Amino acid sequence: MSLIPRLVVAYDFSDPARRAFELGVFMGRQLEAKVHIVTVLDSSDSDAATLSKELEDLAQLLEMRTCATIKTDDLEIRCHAVAGQPADAVVALARELDAPLILCGTTGKGAVARTLLGSVSHELVHKSGAIVMSVP
């Protein structure tokens, strides 16, 4: 049994997130771990009627950009589109799945920008209780 049976990749459609996804696929194969790709829709501006449709569309886009781009005969991979605040939603999914590892892209913001704007990768480190790998 692997020490890391499941891992979560936070995906925001950026180049660093793509690299985190590629690393997650590689690690999933090496560790024989299930890979869960998650993207988060900030639901603060959506009403319940449009939220469901937006999540469905986002899930399709996530599937096309990630899971559908790789051969998965030797890898179990799942895509998740969820609503909420990005770091909180990723942490919640990782805890629900009991995933000890989270991979995410990082924008490489400096300390001042991170302080003013926040950083999902920084929040993941402090909130998750899991191993967090930030990929530039």
C-alpha atoms as a PDB file:
ATOM      1  CA  MET A   1       0.000   0.000   0.000  1.00  0.00           C
ATOM      2  CA  SER A   2       1.283   3.453  -0.936  1.00  0.00           C
ATOM      3  CA  LEU A   3       1.964   6.104   1.663  1.00  0.00           C
ATOM      4  CA  ILE A   4       0.080   8.467  -0.649  1.00  0.00           C
ATOM      5  CA  PRO A   5      -2.918   6.571  -2.029  1.00  0.00           C
ATOM      6  CA  ARG A   6      -4.651   9.742  -3.261  1.00  0.00           C
ATOM      7  CA  LEU A   7      -3.505  13.185  -4.267  1.00  0.00           C
ATOM      8  CA  VAL A   8      -5.326  16.376  -5.162  1.00  0.00           C
ATOM      9  CA  VAL A   9      -4.255  18.848  -7.826  1.00  0.00           C
ATOM     10  CA  ALA A  10      -5.717  22.354  -7.562  1.00  0.00           C
ATOM     11  CA  TYR A  11      -6.274  23.602 -11.109  1.00  0.00           C
ATOM     12  CA  ASP A  12      -7.050  27.191 -12.150  1.00  0.00           C
ATOM     13  CA  PHE A  13      -6.237  26.867 -15.880  1.00  0.00           C
ATOM     14  CA  SER A  14      -2.929  28.766 -15.520  1.00  0.00           C
ATOM     15  CA  ASP A  15       0.441  27.553 -16.817  1.00  0.00           C
ATOM     16  CA  PRO A  16       1.704  26.731 -13.290  1.00  0.00           C
ATOM     17  CA  ALA A  17      -1.496  24.752 -12.655  1.00  0.00           C
ATOM     18  CA  ARG A  18      -0.884  22.809 -15.863  1.00  0.00           C
ATOM     19  CA  ARG A  19       2.614  21.958 -14.653  1.00  0.00           C
ATOM     20  CA  ALA A  20       1.174  20.898 -11.272  1.00  0.00           C
ATOM     21  CA  PHE A  21      -1.295  18.667 -13.139  1.00  0.00           C
ATOM     22  CA  GLU A  22       1.507  17.083 -15.173  1.00  0.00           C
ATOM     23  CA  LEU A  23       3.515  16.485 -11.996  1.00  0.00           C
ATOM     24  CA  GLY A  24       0.409  15.030 -10.341  1.00  0.00           C
ATOM     25  CA  VAL A  25      -0.048  12.582 -13.208  1.00  0.00           C
ATOM     26  CA  PHE A  26       3.608  11.559 -12.997  1.00  0.00           C
ATOM     27  CA  MET A  27       3.449  11.131  -9.219  1.00  0.00           C
ATOM     28  CA  GLY A  28       0.136   9.298  -9.440  1.00  0.00           C
ATOM     29  CA  ARG A  29       1.707   6.751 -11.760  1.00  0.00           C
ATOM     30  CA  GLN A  30       4.853   6.380  -9.663  1.00  0.00           C
ATOM     31  CA  LEU A  31       2.948   6.050  -6.388  1.00  0.00           C
ATOM     32  CA  GLU A  32       0.023   4.107  -7.876  1.00  0.00           C
ATOM     33  CA  ALA A  33      -2.173   6.812  -6.357  1.00  0.00           C
ATOM     34  CA  LYS A  34      -5.593   8.043  -7.420  1.00  0.00           C
ATOM     35  CA  VAL A  35      -5.366  11.573  -8.811  1.00  0.00           C
ATOM     36  CA  HIS A  36      -8.135  14.093  -8.191  1.00  0.00           C
ATOM     37  CA  ILE A  37      -8.111  17.340 -10.185  1.00  0.00           C
ATOM     38  CA  VAL A  38     -10.196  20.146  -8.690  1.00  0.00           C
ATOM     39  CA  THR A  39     -11.131  23.584  -9.924  1.00  0.00           C
ATOM     40  CA  VAL A  40     -13.133  26.059  -7.897  1.00  0.00           C
ATOM     41  CA  LEU A  41     -15.816  28.466  -9.019  1.00  0.00           C
ATOM     42  CA  ASP A  42     -16.125  31.515  -6.786  1.00  0.00           C
ATOM     43  CA  SER A  43     -19.846  31.299  -6.102  1.00  0.00           C
ATOM     44  CA  SER A  44     -20.254  34.659  -4.351  1.00  0.00           C
ATOM     45  CA  ASP A  45     -21.641  36.312  -7.492  1.00  0.00           C
ATOM     46  CA  SER A  46     -23.884  33.447  -8.640  1.00  0.00           C
ATOM     47  CA  ASP A  47     -27.434  32.580  -7.756  1.00  0.00           C
ATOM     48  CA  ALA A  48     -28.520  28.975  -7.273  1.00  0.00           C
ATOM     49  CA  ALA A  49     -30.138  28.742 -10.710  1.00  0.00           C
ATOM     50  CA  THR A  50     -27.012  29.718 -12.644  1.00  0.00           C
ATOM     51  CA  LEU A  51     -24.523  28.095 -10.265  1.00  0.00           C
ATOM     52  CA  SER A  52     -25.454  24.559 -11.293  1.00  0.00           C
ATOM     53  CA  LYS A  53     -25.040  25.342 -15.000  1.00  0.00           C
ATOM     54  CA  GLU A  54     -21.756  27.193 -14.396  1.00  0.00           C
ATOM     55  CA  LEU A  55     -20.367  24.231 -12.437  1.00  0.00           C
ATOM     56  CA  GLU A  56     -21.454  21.816 -15.169  1.00  0.00           C
ATOM     57  CA  ASP A  57     -19.728  23.929 -17.836  1.00  0.00           C
ATOM     58  CA  LEU A  58     -16.617  24.285 -15.685  1.00  0.00           C
ATOM     59  CA  ALA A  59     -16.486  20.526 -15.096  1.00  0.00           C
ATOM     60  CA  GLN A  60     -16.611  19.917 -18.862  1.00  0.00           C
ATOM     61  CA  LEU A  61     -13.834  22.433 -19.485  1.00  0.00           C
ATOM     62  CA  LEU A  62     -11.712  20.897 -16.716  1.00  0.00           C
ATOM     63  CA  GLU A  63     -12.210  17.430 -18.185  1.00  0.00           C
ATOM     64  CA  MET A  64     -11.177  18.609 -21.660  1.00  0.00           C
ATOM     65  CA  ARG A  65      -8.076  20.450 -20.415  1.00  0.00           C
ATOM     66  CA  THR A  66      -6.828  17.747 -18.062  1.00  0.00           C
ATOM     67  CA  CYS A  67      -8.235  14.240 -17.881  1.00  0.00           C
ATOM     68  CA  ALA A  68      -9.013  14.001 -21.598  1.00  0.00           C
ATOM     69  CA  THR A  69      -5.432  14.943 -22.515  1.00  0.00           C
ATOM     70  CA  ILE A  70      -3.723  11.877 -21.091  1.00  0.00           C
ATOM     71  CA  LYS A  71      -3.880   8.127 -21.477  1.00  0.00           C
ATOM     72  CA  THR A  72      -5.279   6.734 -18.237  1.00  0.00           C
ATOM     73  CA  ASP A  73      -4.990   2.961 -18.609  1.00  0.00           C
ATOM     74  CA  ASP A  74      -2.508   2.879 -15.734  1.00  0.00           C
ATOM     75  CA  LEU A  75      -3.939   5.736 -13.687  1.00  0.00           C
ATOM     76  CA  GLU A  76      -7.213   6.463 -11.918  1.00  0.00           C
ATOM     77  CA  ILE A  77      -8.006  10.143 -12.375  1.00  0.00           C
ATOM     78  CA  ARG A  78     -11.128  12.129 -11.475  1.00  0.00           C
ATOM     79  CA  CYS A  79     -12.141  15.721 -12.175  1.00  0.00           C
ATOM     80  CA  HIS A  80     -14.090  17.838  -9.689  1.00  0.00           C
ATOM     81  CA  ALA A  81     -15.636  21.288 -10.192  1.00  0.00           C
ATOM     82  CA  VAL A  82     -16.800  22.793  -6.916  1.00  0.00           C
ATOM     83  CA  ALA A  83     -18.068  26.149  -5.701  1.00  0.00           C
ATOM     84  CA  GLY A  84     -16.636  28.235  -2.894  1.00  0.00           C
ATOM     85  CA  GLN A  85     -13.515  30.086  -1.829  1.00  0.00           C
ATOM     86  CA  PRO A  86     -10.581  28.406  -3.639  1.00  0.00           C
ATOM     87  CA  ALA A  87      -8.327  27.380  -0.729  1.00  0.00           C
ATOM     88  CA  ASP A  88     -11.232  26.333   1.501  1.00  0.00           C
ATOM     89  CA  ALA A  89     -12.842  24.279  -1.273  1.00  0.00           C
ATOM     90  CA  VAL A  90      -9.584  22.495  -2.148  1.00  0.00           C
ATOM     91  CA  VAL A  91      -8.915  21.736   1.530  1.00  0.00           C
ATOM     92  CA  ALA A  92     -12.462  20.442   1.982  1.00  0.00           C
ATOM     93  CA  LEU A  93     -12.111  18.065  -0.977  1.00  0.00           C
ATOM     94  CA  ALA A  94      -8.687  16.849   0.156  1.00  0.00           C
ATOM     95  CA  ARG A  95     -10.081  16.124   3.616  1.00  0.00           C
ATOM     96  CA  GLU A  96     -13.159  14.414   2.192  1.00  0.00           C
ATOM     97  CA  LEU A  97     -10.922  12.180   0.064  1.00  0.00           C
ATOM     98  CA  ASP A  98      -8.383  11.717   2.882  1.00  0.00           C
ATOM     99  CA  ALA A  99      -5.653  12.847   0.474  1.00  0.00           C
ATOM    100  CA  PRO A 100      -2.309  13.476   2.181  1.00  0.00           C
ATOM    101  CA  LEU A 101      -0.867  15.494  -0.744  1.00  0.00           C
ATOM    102  CA  ILE A 102      -2.059  18.622  -2.555  1.00  0.00           C
ATOM    103  CA  LEU A 103      -0.301  20.018  -5.616  1.00  0.00           C
ATOM    104  CA  CYS A 104      -0.937  23.524  -6.864  1.00  0.00           C
ATOM    105  CA  GLY A 105       0.554  26.038  -9.212  1.00  0.00           C
ATOM    106  CA  THR A 106       2.003  29.247  -7.861  1.00  0.00           C
ATOM    107  CA  THR A 107       2.132  32.576  -9.606  1.00  0.00           C
ATOM    108  CA  GLY A 108       5.423  33.541  -8.010  1.00  0.00           C
ATOM    109  CA  LYS A 109       4.038  36.728  -6.474  1.00  0.00           C
ATOM    110  CA  GLY A 110       6.364  38.602  -4.196  1.00  0.00           C
ATOM    111  CA  ALA A 111       5.729  39.101  -0.477  1.00  0.00           C
ATOM    112  CA  VAL A 112       3.974  42.454  -0.932  1.00  0.00           C
ATOM    113  CA  ALA A 113       1.585  41.197  -3.609  1.00  0.00           C
ATOM    114  CA  ARG A 114       0.905  38.036  -1.596  1.00  0.00           C
ATOM    115  CA  THR A 115       0.116  40.138   1.488  1.00  0.00           C
ATOM    116  CA  LEU A 116      -2.252  42.424  -0.410  1.00  0.00           C
ATOM    117  CA  LEU A 117      -3.907  39.849  -2.659  1.00  0.00           C
ATOM    118  CA  GLY A 118      -3.556  36.614  -0.737  1.00  0.00           C
ATOM    119  CA  SER A 119      -2.226  33.361  -2.095  1.00  0.00           C
ATOM    120  CA  VAL A 120      -4.131  30.139  -2.504  1.00  0.00           C
ATOM    121  CA  SER A 121      -0.945  28.084  -2.209  1.00  0.00           C
ATOM    122  CA  HIS A 122      -0.043  29.919   1.006  1.00  0.00           C
ATOM    123  CA  GLU A 123      -3.531  29.300   2.414  1.00  0.00           C
ATOM    124  CA  LEU A 124      -3.350  25.615   1.481  1.00  0.00           C
ATOM    125  CA  VAL A 125      -0.148  25.209   3.465  1.00  0.00           C
ATOM    126  CA  HIS A 126      -1.697  26.758   6.557  1.00  0.00           C
ATOM    127  CA  LYS A 127      -5.204  25.280   6.361  1.00  0.00           C
ATOM    128  CA  SER A 128      -4.893  21.782   4.943  1.00  0.00           C
ATOM    129  CA  GLY A 129      -2.809  19.695   7.319  1.00  0.00           C
ATOM    130  CA  ALA A 130      -1.595  17.893   4.190  1.00  0.00           C
ATOM    131  CA  ILE A 131       1.691  18.040   2.318  1.00  0.00           C
ATOM    132  CA  VAL A 132       1.421  20.908  -0.159  1.00  0.00           C
ATOM    133  CA  MET A 133       3.667  21.146  -3.208  1.00  0.00           C
ATOM    134  CA  SER A 134       3.713  24.477  -5.046  1.00  0.00           C
ATOM    135  CA  VAL A 135       4.771  24.279  -8.661  1.00  0.00           C
ATOM    136  CA  PRO A 136       6.082  27.467 -10.340  1.00  0.00           C
END
